[in-house]
Amino acid sequence: QWNALIGGYVQAKRGKEALVLFQE
């Protein structure tokens, strides 16, 4: 589930939020 959400942010070109999720 974490990967699905992080991957969604990356696909949407919202890399900053993806990295914030990675830290969480």
mmCIF file of all heavy atoms, coordinates in Angstrom:
data_MODEL
# 
_entry.id   MODEL 
# 
loop_
_atom_site.group_PDB 
_atom_site.id 
_atom_site.type_symbol 
_atom_site.label_atom_id 
_atom_site.label_alt_id 
_atom_site.label_comp_id 
_atom_site.label_asym_id 
_atom_site.label_entity_id 
_atom_site.label_seq_id 
_atom_site.pdbx_PDB_ins_code 
_atom_site.Cartn_x 
_atom_site.Cartn_y 
_atom_site.Cartn_z 
_atom_site.occupancy 
_atom_site.B_iso_or_equiv 
_atom_site.pdbx_formal_charge 
_atom_site.auth_seq_id 
_atom_site.auth_comp_id 
_atom_site.auth_asym_id 
_atom_site.auth_atom_id 
_atom_site.pdbx_PDB_model_num 
ATOM 1   N N   . GLN A 1 1  ? 0.831  -1.213 0.000   1.00 0.00 ? 1  GLN A N   1 
ATOM 2   C CA  . GLN A 1 1  ? 0.000  0.000  0.000   1.00 0.00 ? 1  GLN A CA  1 
ATOM 3   C C   . GLN A 1 1  ? 0.868  1.266  0.000   1.00 0.00 ? 1  GLN A C   1 
ATOM 4   O O   . GLN A 1 1  ? 0.553  2.238  -0.686  1.00 0.00 ? 1  GLN A O   1 
ATOM 5   C CB  . GLN A 1 1  ? -0.930 -0.002 1.216   1.00 0.00 ? 1  GLN A CB  1 
ATOM 6   C CG  . GLN A 1 1  ? -2.012 -1.071 1.177   1.00 0.00 ? 1  GLN A CG  1 
ATOM 7   C CD  . GLN A 1 1  ? -1.474 -2.462 1.464   1.00 0.00 ? 1  GLN A CD  1 
ATOM 8   O OE1 . GLN A 1 1  ? -0.611 -2.661 2.311   1.00 0.00 ? 1  GLN A OE1 1 
ATOM 9   N NE2 . GLN A 1 1  ? -1.971 -3.454 0.732   1.00 0.00 ? 1  GLN A NE2 1 
ATOM 10  N N   . TRP A 1 2  ? 1.949  1.255  0.786   1.00 0.00 ? 2  TRP A N   1 
ATOM 11  C CA  . TRP A 1 2  ? 2.873  2.398  0.762   1.00 0.00 ? 2  TRP A CA  1 
ATOM 12  C C   . TRP A 1 2  ? 3.433  2.594  -0.643  1.00 0.00 ? 2  TRP A C   1 
ATOM 13  O O   . TRP A 1 2  ? 3.502  3.727  -1.151  1.00 0.00 ? 2  TRP A O   1 
ATOM 14  C CB  . TRP A 1 2  ? 4.018  2.171  1.759   1.00 0.00 ? 2  TRP A CB  1 
ATOM 15  C CG  . TRP A 1 2  ? 3.651  2.421  3.198   1.00 0.00 ? 2  TRP A CG  1 
ATOM 16  C CD1 . TRP A 1 2  ? 3.285  1.493  4.122   1.00 0.00 ? 2  TRP A CD1 1 
ATOM 17  C CD2 . TRP A 1 2  ? 3.619  3.686  3.872   1.00 0.00 ? 2  TRP A CD2 1 
ATOM 18  N NE1 . TRP A 1 2  ? 3.031  2.098  5.330   1.00 0.00 ? 2  TRP A NE1 1 
ATOM 19  C CE2 . TRP A 1 2  ? 3.230  3.441  5.215   1.00 0.00 ? 2  TRP A CE2 1 
ATOM 20  C CE3 . TRP A 1 2  ? 3.883  4.999  3.481   1.00 0.00 ? 2  TRP A CE3 1 
ATOM 21  C CZ2 . TRP A 1 2  ? 3.098  4.452  6.151   1.00 0.00 ? 2  TRP A CZ2 1 
ATOM 22  C CZ3 . TRP A 1 2  ? 3.761  6.017  4.419   1.00 0.00 ? 2  TRP A CZ3 1 
ATOM 23  C CH2 . TRP A 1 2  ? 3.362  5.739  5.740   1.00 0.00 ? 2  TRP A CH2 1 
ATOM 24  N N   . ASN A 1 3  ? 3.828  1.505  -1.274  1.00 0.00 ? 3  ASN A N   1 
ATOM 25  C CA  . ASN A 1 3  ? 4.394  1.594  -2.626  1.00 0.00 ? 3  ASN A CA  1 
ATOM 26  C C   . ASN A 1 3  ? 3.377  2.128  -3.629  1.00 0.00 ? 3  ASN A C   1 
ATOM 27  O O   . ASN A 1 3  ? 3.732  2.902  -4.528  1.00 0.00 ? 3  ASN A O   1 
ATOM 28  C CB  . ASN A 1 3  ? 4.882  0.217  -3.094  1.00 0.00 ? 3  ASN A CB  1 
ATOM 29  C CG  . ASN A 1 3  ? 6.173  -0.197 -2.425  1.00 0.00 ? 3  ASN A CG  1 
ATOM 30  O OD1 . ASN A 1 3  ? 6.884  0.635  -1.860  1.00 0.00 ? 3  ASN A OD1 1 
ATOM 31  N ND2 . ASN A 1 3  ? 6.490  -1.474 -2.469  1.00 0.00 ? 3  ASN A ND2 1 
ATOM 32  N N   . ALA A 1 4  ? 2.119  1.709  -3.472  1.00 0.00 ? 4  ALA A N   1 
ATOM 33  C CA  . ALA A 1 4  ? 1.075  2.172  -4.399  1.00 0.00 ? 4  ALA A CA  1 
ATOM 34  C C   . ALA A 1 4  ? 0.914  3.684  -4.318  1.00 0.00 ? 4  ALA A C   1 
ATOM 35  O O   . ALA A 1 4  ? 0.829  4.374  -5.350  1.00 0.00 ? 4  ALA A O   1 
ATOM 36  C CB  . ALA A 1 4  ? -0.254 1.480  -4.075  1.00 0.00 ? 4  ALA A CB  1 
ATOM 37  N N   . LEU A 1 5  ? 0.894  4.220  -3.102  1.00 0.00 ? 5  LEU A N   1 
ATOM 38  C CA  . LEU A 1 5  ? 0.698  5.663  -2.939  1.00 0.00 ? 5  LEU A CA  1 
ATOM 39  C C   . LEU A 1 5  ? 1.937  6.444  -3.363  1.00 0.00 ? 5  LEU A C   1 
ATOM 40  O O   . LEU A 1 5  ? 1.840  7.462  -4.056  1.00 0.00 ? 5  LEU A O   1 
ATOM 41  C CB  . LEU A 1 5  ? 0.339  5.979  -1.485  1.00 0.00 ? 5  LEU A CB  1 
ATOM 42  C CG  . LEU A 1 5  ? -0.286 7.356  -1.229  1.00 0.00 ? 5  LEU A CG  1 
ATOM 43  C CD1 . LEU A 1 5  ? -1.541 7.561  -2.061  1.00 0.00 ? 5  LEU A CD1 1 
ATOM 44  C CD2 . LEU A 1 5  ? -0.606 7.536  0.242   1.00 0.00 ? 5  LEU A CD2 1 
ATOM 45  N N   . ILE A 1 6  ? 3.112  5.970  -2.954  1.00 0.00 ? 6  ILE A N   1 
ATOM 46  C CA  . ILE A 1 6  ? 4.353  6.645  -3.355  1.00 0.00 ? 6  ILE A CA  1 
ATOM 47  C C   . ILE A 1 6  ? 4.487  6.643  -4.875  1.00 0.00 ? 6  ILE A C   1 
ATOM 48  O O   . ILE A 1 6  ? 4.811  7.666  -5.492  1.00 0.00 ? 6  ILE A O   1 
ATOM 49  C CB  . ILE A 1 6  ? 5.575  5.959  -2.694  1.00 0.00 ? 6  ILE A CB  1 
ATOM 50  C CG1 . ILE A 1 6  ? 5.586  6.230  -1.186  1.00 0.00 ? 6  ILE A CG1 1 
ATOM 51  C CG2 . ILE A 1 6  ? 6.881  6.454  -3.319  1.00 0.00 ? 6  ILE A CG2 1 
ATOM 52  C CD1 . ILE A 1 6  ? 6.629  5.419  -0.420  1.00 0.00 ? 6  ILE A CD1 1 
ATOM 53  N N   . GLY A 1 7  ? 4.211  5.480  -5.497  1.00 0.00 ? 7  GLY A N   1 
ATOM 54  C CA  . GLY A 1 7  ? 4.280  5.375  -6.960  1.00 0.00 ? 7  GLY A CA  1 
ATOM 55  C C   . GLY A 1 7  ? 3.296  6.303  -7.648  1.00 0.00 ? 7  GLY A C   1 
ATOM 56  O O   . GLY A 1 7  ? 3.595  6.860  -8.711  1.00 0.00 ? 7  GLY A O   1 
ATOM 57  N N   . GLY A 1 8  ? 2.114  6.484  -7.049  1.00 0.00 ? 8  GLY A N   1 
ATOM 58  C CA  . GLY A 1 8  ? 1.118  7.403  -7.618  1.00 0.00 ? 8  GLY A CA  1 
ATOM 59  C C   . GLY A 1 8  ? 1.622  8.835  -7.639  1.00 0.00 ? 8  GLY A C   1 
ATOM 60  O O   . GLY A 1 8  ? 1.457  9.560  -8.631  1.00 0.00 ? 8  GLY A O   1 
ATOM 61  N N   . TYR A 1 9  ? 2.255  9.269  -6.543  1.00 0.00 ? 9  TYR A N   1 
ATOM 62  C CA  . TYR A 1 9  ? 2.805  10.628 -6.490  1.00 0.00 ? 9  TYR A CA  1 
ATOM 63  C C   . TYR A 1 9  ? 3.934  10.805 -7.511  1.00 0.00 ? 9  TYR A C   1 
ATOM 64  O O   . TYR A 1 9  ? 4.039  11.850 -8.153  1.00 0.00 ? 9  TYR A O   1 
ATOM 65  C CB  . TYR A 1 9  ? 3.320  10.940 -5.080  1.00 0.00 ? 9  TYR A CB  1 
ATOM 66  C CG  . TYR A 1 9  ? 2.233  11.412 -4.140  1.00 0.00 ? 9  TYR A CG  1 
ATOM 67  C CD1 . TYR A 1 9  ? 1.776  10.586 -3.101  1.00 0.00 ? 9  TYR A CD1 1 
ATOM 68  C CD2 . TYR A 1 9  ? 1.653  12.669 -4.289  1.00 0.00 ? 9  TYR A CD2 1 
ATOM 69  C CE1 . TYR A 1 9  ? 0.767  11.008 -2.245  1.00 0.00 ? 9  TYR A CE1 1 
ATOM 70  C CE2 . TYR A 1 9  ? 0.642  13.093 -3.435  1.00 0.00 ? 9  TYR A CE2 1 
ATOM 71  C CZ  . TYR A 1 9  ? 0.208  12.264 -2.417  1.00 0.00 ? 9  TYR A CZ  1 
ATOM 72  O OH  . TYR A 1 9  ? -0.793 12.682 -1.586  1.00 0.00 ? 9  TYR A OH  1 
ATOM 73  N N   . VAL A 1 10 ? 4.759  9.784  -7.663  1.00 0.00 ? 10 VAL A N   1 
ATOM 74  C CA  . VAL A 1 10 ? 5.856  9.876  -8.642  1.00 0.00 ? 10 VAL A CA  1 
ATOM 75  C C   . VAL A 1 10 ? 5.287  9.964  -10.056 1.00 0.00 ? 10 VAL A C   1 
ATOM 76  O O   . VAL A 1 10 ? 5.737  10.779 -10.867 1.00 0.00 ? 10 VAL A O   1 
ATOM 77  C CB  . VAL A 1 10 ? 6.793  8.647  -8.513  1.00 0.00 ? 10 VAL A CB  1 
ATOM 78  C CG1 . VAL A 1 10 ? 7.818  8.622  -9.644  1.00 0.00 ? 10 VAL A CG1 1 
ATOM 79  C CG2 . VAL A 1 10 ? 7.503  8.674  -7.171  1.00 0.00 ? 10 VAL A CG2 1 
ATOM 80  N N   . GLN A 1 11 ? 4.271  9.144  -10.339 1.00 0.00 ? 11 GLN A N   1 
ATOM 81  C CA  . GLN A 1 11 ? 3.658  9.154  -11.665 1.00 0.00 ? 11 GLN A CA  1 
ATOM 82  C C   . GLN A 1 11 ? 3.017  10.498 -11.977 1.00 0.00 ? 11 GLN A C   1 
ATOM 83  O O   . GLN A 1 11 ? 3.010  10.949 -13.118 1.00 0.00 ? 11 GLN A O   1 
ATOM 84  C CB  . GLN A 1 11 ? 2.609  8.039  -11.748 1.00 0.00 ? 11 GLN A CB  1 
ATOM 85  C CG  . GLN A 1 11 ? 2.017  7.845  -13.138 1.00 0.00 ? 11 GLN A CG  1 
ATOM 86  C CD  . GLN A 1 11 ? 1.012  6.701  -13.167 1.00 0.00 ? 11 GLN A CD  1 
ATOM 87  O OE1 . GLN A 1 11 ? 1.195  5.678  -12.517 1.00 0.00 ? 11 GLN A OE1 1 
ATOM 88  N NE2 . GLN A 1 11 ? -0.045 6.872  -13.913 1.00 0.00 ? 11 GLN A NE2 1 
ATOM 89  N N   . ALA A 1 12 ? 2.496  11.156 -10.943 1.00 0.00 ? 12 ALA A N   1 
ATOM 90  C CA  . ALA A 1 12 ? 1.860  12.470 -11.117 1.00 0.00 ? 12 ALA A CA  1 
ATOM 91  C C   . ALA A 1 12 ? 2.876  13.614 -11.089 1.00 0.00 ? 12 ALA A C   1 
ATOM 92  O O   . ALA A 1 12 ? 2.479  14.778 -11.027 1.00 0.00 ? 12 ALA A O   1 
ATOM 93  C CB  . ALA A 1 12 ? 0.807  12.676 -10.030 1.00 0.00 ? 12 ALA A CB  1 
ATOM 94  N N   . LYS A 1 13 ? 4.162  13.275 -11.106 1.00 0.00 ? 13 LYS A N   1 
ATOM 95  C CA  . LYS A 1 13 ? 5.249  14.267 -11.081 1.00 0.00 ? 13 LYS A CA  1 
ATOM 96  C C   . LYS A 1 13 ? 5.229  15.095 -9.795  1.00 0.00 ? 13 LYS A C   1 
ATOM 97  O O   . LYS A 1 13 ? 5.606  16.267 -9.788  1.00 0.00 ? 13 LYS A O   1 
ATOM 98  C CB  . LYS A 1 13 ? 5.185  15.208 -12.302 1.00 0.00 ? 13 LYS A CB  1 
ATOM 99  C CG  . LYS A 1 13 ? 5.131  14.509 -13.646 1.00 0.00 ? 13 LYS A CG  1 
ATOM 100 C CD  . LYS A 1 13 ? 6.402  13.744 -13.933 1.00 0.00 ? 13 LYS A CD  1 
ATOM 101 C CE  . LYS A 1 13 ? 6.369  13.071 -15.304 1.00 0.00 ? 13 LYS A CE  1 
ATOM 102 N NZ  . LYS A 1 13 ? 7.538  12.195 -15.538 1.00 0.00 ? 13 LYS A NZ  1 
ATOM 103 N N   . ARG A 1 14 ? 4.802  14.486 -8.721  1.00 0.00 ? 14 ARG A N   1 
ATOM 104 C CA  . ARG A 1 14 ? 4.796  15.162 -7.422  1.00 0.00 ? 14 ARG A CA  1 
ATOM 105 C C   . ARG A 1 14 ? 5.821  14.469 -6.519  1.00 0.00 ? 14 ARG A C   1 
ATOM 106 O O   . ARG A 1 14 ? 5.510  13.843 -5.524  1.00 0.00 ? 14 ARG A O   1 
ATOM 107 C CB  . ARG A 1 14 ? 3.383  15.123 -6.826  1.00 0.00 ? 14 ARG A CB  1 
ATOM 108 C CG  . ARG A 1 14 ? 2.407  16.008 -7.604  1.00 0.00 ? 14 ARG A CG  1 
ATOM 109 C CD  . ARG A 1 14 ? 0.957  15.764 -7.238  1.00 0.00 ? 14 ARG A CD  1 
ATOM 110 N NE  . ARG A 1 14 ? 0.655  16.101 -5.865  1.00 0.00 ? 14 ARG A NE  1 
ATOM 111 C CZ  . ARG A 1 14 ? -0.566 16.052 -5.339  1.00 0.00 ? 14 ARG A CZ  1 
ATOM 112 N NH1 . ARG A 1 14 ? -1.595 15.686 -6.112  1.00 0.00 ? 14 ARG A NH1 1 
ATOM 113 N NH2 . ARG A 1 14 ? -0.771 16.364 -4.073  1.00 0.00 ? 14 ARG A NH2 1 
ATOM 114 N N   . GLY A 1 15 ? 7.073  14.589 -6.966  1.00 0.00 ? 15 GLY A N   1 
ATOM 115 C CA  . GLY A 1 15 ? 8.157  13.884 -6.314  1.00 0.00 ? 15 GLY A CA  1 
ATOM 116 C C   . GLY A 1 15 ? 8.386  14.288 -4.878  1.00 0.00 ? 15 GLY A C   1 
ATOM 117 O O   . GLY A 1 15 ? 8.758  13.462 -4.038  1.00 0.00 ? 15 GLY A O   1 
ATOM 118 N N   . LYS A 1 16 ? 8.147  15.568 -4.567  1.00 0.00 ? 16 LYS A N   1 
ATOM 119 C CA  . LYS A 1 16 ? 8.390  16.042 -3.205  1.00 0.00 ? 16 LYS A CA  1 
ATOM 120 C C   . LYS A 1 16 ? 7.488  15.318 -2.210  1.00 0.00 ? 16 LYS A C   1 
ATOM 121 O O   . LYS A 1 16 ? 7.938  14.840 -1.162  1.00 0.00 ? 16 LYS A O   1 
ATOM 122 C CB  . LYS A 1 16 ? 8.168  17.546 -3.127  1.00 0.00 ? 16 LYS A CB  1 
ATOM 123 C CG  . LYS A 1 16 ? 8.611  18.163 -1.818  1.00 0.00 ? 16 LYS A CG  1 
ATOM 124 C CD  . LYS A 1 16 ? 8.491  19.678 -1.853  1.00 0.00 ? 16 LYS A CD  1 
ATOM 125 C CE  . LYS A 1 16 ? 8.978  20.284 -0.531  1.00 0.00 ? 16 LYS A CE  1 
ATOM 126 N NZ  . LYS A 1 16 ? 8.861  21.760 -0.529  1.00 0.00 ? 16 LYS A NZ  1 
ATOM 127 N N   . GLU A 1 17 ? 6.172  15.205 -2.555  1.00 0.00 ? 17 GLU A N   1 
ATOM 128 C CA  . GLU A 1 17 ? 5.247  14.498 -1.665  1.00 0.00 ? 17 GLU A CA  1 
ATOM 129 C C   . GLU A 1 17 ? 5.605  13.014 -1.565  1.00 0.00 ? 17 GLU A C   1 
ATOM 130 O O   . GLU A 1 17 ? 5.427  12.398 -0.509  1.00 0.00 ? 17 GLU A O   1 
ATOM 131 C CB  . GLU A 1 17 ? 3.809  14.639 -2.172  1.00 0.00 ? 17 GLU A CB  1 
ATOM 132 C CG  . GLU A 1 17 ? 3.227  16.014 -1.959  1.00 0.00 ? 17 GLU A CG  1 
ATOM 133 C CD  . GLU A 1 17 ? 3.066  16.787 -3.248  1.00 0.00 ? 17 GLU A CD  1 
ATOM 134 O OE1 . GLU A 1 17 ? 3.985  16.750 -4.088  1.00 0.00 ? 17 GLU A OE1 1 
ATOM 135 O OE2 . GLU A 1 17 ? 2.032  17.429 -3.413  1.00 0.00 ? 17 GLU A OE2 1 
ATOM 136 N N   . ALA A 1 18 ? 6.114  12.441 -2.678  1.00 0.00 ? 18 ALA A N   1 
ATOM 137 C CA  . ALA A 1 18 ? 6.520  11.027 -2.654  1.00 0.00 ? 18 ALA A CA  1 
ATOM 138 C C   . ALA A 1 18 ? 7.643  10.808 -1.645  1.00 0.00 ? 18 ALA A C   1 
ATOM 139 O O   . ALA A 1 18 ? 7.621  9.845  -0.869  1.00 0.00 ? 18 ALA A O   1 
ATOM 140 C CB  . ALA A 1 18 ? 6.966  10.589 -4.046  1.00 0.00 ? 18 ALA A CB  1 
ATOM 141 N N   . LEU A 1 19 ? 8.609  11.723 -1.605  1.00 0.00 ? 19 LEU A N   1 
ATOM 142 C CA  . LEU A 1 19 ? 9.726  11.580 -0.672  1.00 0.00 ? 19 LEU A CA  1 
ATOM 143 C C   . LEU A 1 19 ? 9.294  11.834 0.768   1.00 0.00 ? 19 LEU A C   1 
ATOM 144 O O   . LEU A 1 19 ? 9.821  11.217 1.699   1.00 0.00 ? 19 LEU A O   1 
ATOM 145 C CB  . LEU A 1 19 ? 10.861 12.525 -1.071  1.00 0.00 ? 19 LEU A CB  1 
ATOM 146 C CG  . LEU A 1 19 ? 11.552 12.181 -2.400  1.00 0.00 ? 19 LEU A CG  1 
ATOM 147 C CD1 . LEU A 1 19 ? 12.609 13.220 -2.743  1.00 0.00 ? 19 LEU A CD1 1 
ATOM 148 C CD2 . LEU A 1 19 ? 12.168 10.788 -2.361  1.00 0.00 ? 19 LEU A CD2 1 
ATOM 149 N N   . VAL A 1 20 ? 8.321  12.740 0.951   1.00 0.00 ? 20 VAL A N   1 
ATOM 150 C CA  . VAL A 1 20 ? 7.777  12.962 2.301   1.00 0.00 ? 20 VAL A CA  1 
ATOM 151 C C   . VAL A 1 20 ? 7.106  11.680 2.800   1.00 0.00 ? 20 VAL A C   1 
ATOM 152 O O   . VAL A 1 20 ? 7.274  11.277 3.954   1.00 0.00 ? 20 VAL A O   1 
ATOM 153 C CB  . VAL A 1 20 ? 6.772  14.137 2.298   1.00 0.00 ? 20 VAL A CB  1 
ATOM 154 C CG1 . VAL A 1 20 ? 5.995  14.193 3.611   1.00 0.00 ? 20 VAL A CG1 1 
ATOM 155 C CG2 . VAL A 1 20 ? 7.506  15.457 2.072   1.00 0.00 ? 20 VAL A CG2 1 
ATOM 156 N N   . LEU A 1 21 ? 6.347  11.013 1.911   1.00 0.00 ? 21 LEU A N   1 
ATOM 157 C CA  . LEU A 1 21 ? 5.710  9.737  2.270   1.00 0.00 ? 21 LEU A CA  1 
ATOM 158 C C   . LEU A 1 21 ? 6.759  8.677  2.612   1.00 0.00 ? 21 LEU A C   1 
ATOM 159 O O   . LEU A 1 21 ? 6.585  7.890  3.550   1.00 0.00 ? 21 LEU A O   1 
ATOM 160 C CB  . LEU A 1 21 ? 4.859  9.237  1.099   1.00 0.00 ? 21 LEU A CB  1 
ATOM 161 C CG  . LEU A 1 21 ? 3.372  9.553  1.111   1.00 0.00 ? 21 LEU A CG  1 
ATOM 162 C CD1 . LEU A 1 21 ? 2.728  9.068  -0.173  1.00 0.00 ? 21 LEU A CD1 1 
ATOM 163 C CD2 . LEU A 1 21 ? 2.682  8.916  2.304   1.00 0.00 ? 21 LEU A CD2 1 
ATOM 164 N N   . PHE A 1 22 ? 7.841  8.684  1.855   1.00 0.00 ? 22 PHE A N   1 
ATOM 165 C CA  . PHE A 1 22 ? 8.927  7.730  2.117   1.00 0.00 ? 22 PHE A CA  1 
ATOM 166 C C   . PHE A 1 22 ? 9.504  7.935  3.520   1.00 0.00 ? 22 PHE A C   1 
ATOM 167 O O   . PHE A 1 22 ? 9.772  6.974  4.243   1.00 0.00 ? 22 PHE A O   1 
ATOM 168 C CB  . PHE A 1 22 ? 10.017 7.894  1.052   1.00 0.00 ? 22 PHE A CB  1 
ATOM 169 C CG  . PHE A 1 22 ? 11.232 7.037  1.274   1.00 0.00 ? 22 PHE A CG  1 
ATOM 170 C CD1 . PHE A 1 22 ? 11.127 5.656  1.358   1.00 0.00 ? 22 PHE A CD1 1 
ATOM 171 C CD2 . PHE A 1 22 ? 12.490 7.610  1.402   1.00 0.00 ? 22 PHE A CD2 1 
ATOM 172 C CE1 . PHE A 1 22 ? 12.254 4.865  1.561   1.00 0.00 ? 22 PHE A CE1 1 
ATOM 173 C CE2 . PHE A 1 22 ? 13.615 6.831  1.597   1.00 0.00 ? 22 PHE A CE2 1 
ATOM 174 C CZ  . PHE A 1 22 ? 13.490 5.458  1.680   1.00 0.00 ? 22 PHE A CZ  1 
ATOM 175 N N   . GLN A 1 23 ? 9.646  9.199  3.922   1.00 0.00 ? 23 GLN A N   1 
ATOM 176 C CA  . GLN A 1 23 ? 10.147 9.488  5.266   1.00 0.00 ? 23 GLN A CA  1 
ATOM 177 C C   . GLN A 1 23 ? 9.155  9.043  6.333   1.00 0.00 ? 23 GLN A C   1 
ATOM 178 O O   . GLN A 1 23 ? 9.530  8.485  7.370   1.00 0.00 ? 23 GLN A O   1 
ATOM 179 C CB  . GLN A 1 23 ? 10.451 10.983 5.395   1.00 0.00 ? 23 GLN A CB  1 
ATOM 180 C CG  . GLN A 1 23 ? 11.654 11.423 4.561   1.00 0.00 ? 23 GLN A CG  1 
ATOM 181 C CD  . GLN A 1 23 ? 11.829 12.934 4.519   1.00 0.00 ? 23 GLN A CD  1 
ATOM 182 O OE1 . GLN A 1 23 ? 10.906 13.684 4.822   1.00 0.00 ? 23 GLN A OE1 1 
ATOM 183 N NE2 . GLN A 1 23 ? 13.014 13.380 4.126   1.00 0.00 ? 23 GLN A NE2 1 
ATOM 184 N N   . GLU A 1 24 ? 7.846  9.266  6.079   1.00 0.00 ? 24 GLU A N   1 
ATOM 185 C CA  . GLU A 1 24 ? 6.805  8.821  7.020   1.00 0.00 ? 24 GLU A CA  1 
ATOM 186 C C   . GLU A 1 24 ? 6.831  7.305  7.160   1.00 0.00 ? 24 GLU A C   1 
ATOM 187 O O   . GLU A 1 24 ? 6.658  6.751  8.256   1.00 0.00 ? 24 GLU A O   1 
ATOM 188 C CB  . GLU A 1 24 ? 5.427  9.264  6.526   1.00 0.00 ? 24 GLU A CB  1 
ATOM 189 C CG  . GLU A 1 24 ? 5.152  10.751 6.683   1.00 0.00 ? 24 GLU A CG  1 
ATOM 190 C CD  . GLU A 1 24 ? 3.769  11.103 6.161   1.00 0.00 ? 24 GLU A CD  1 
ATOM 191 O OE1 . GLU A 1 24 ? 2.907  10.198 6.056   1.00 0.00 ? 24 GLU A OE1 1 
ATOM 192 O OE2 . GLU A 1 24 ? 3.548  12.284 5.842   1.00 0.00 ? 24 GLU A OE2 1 
# 
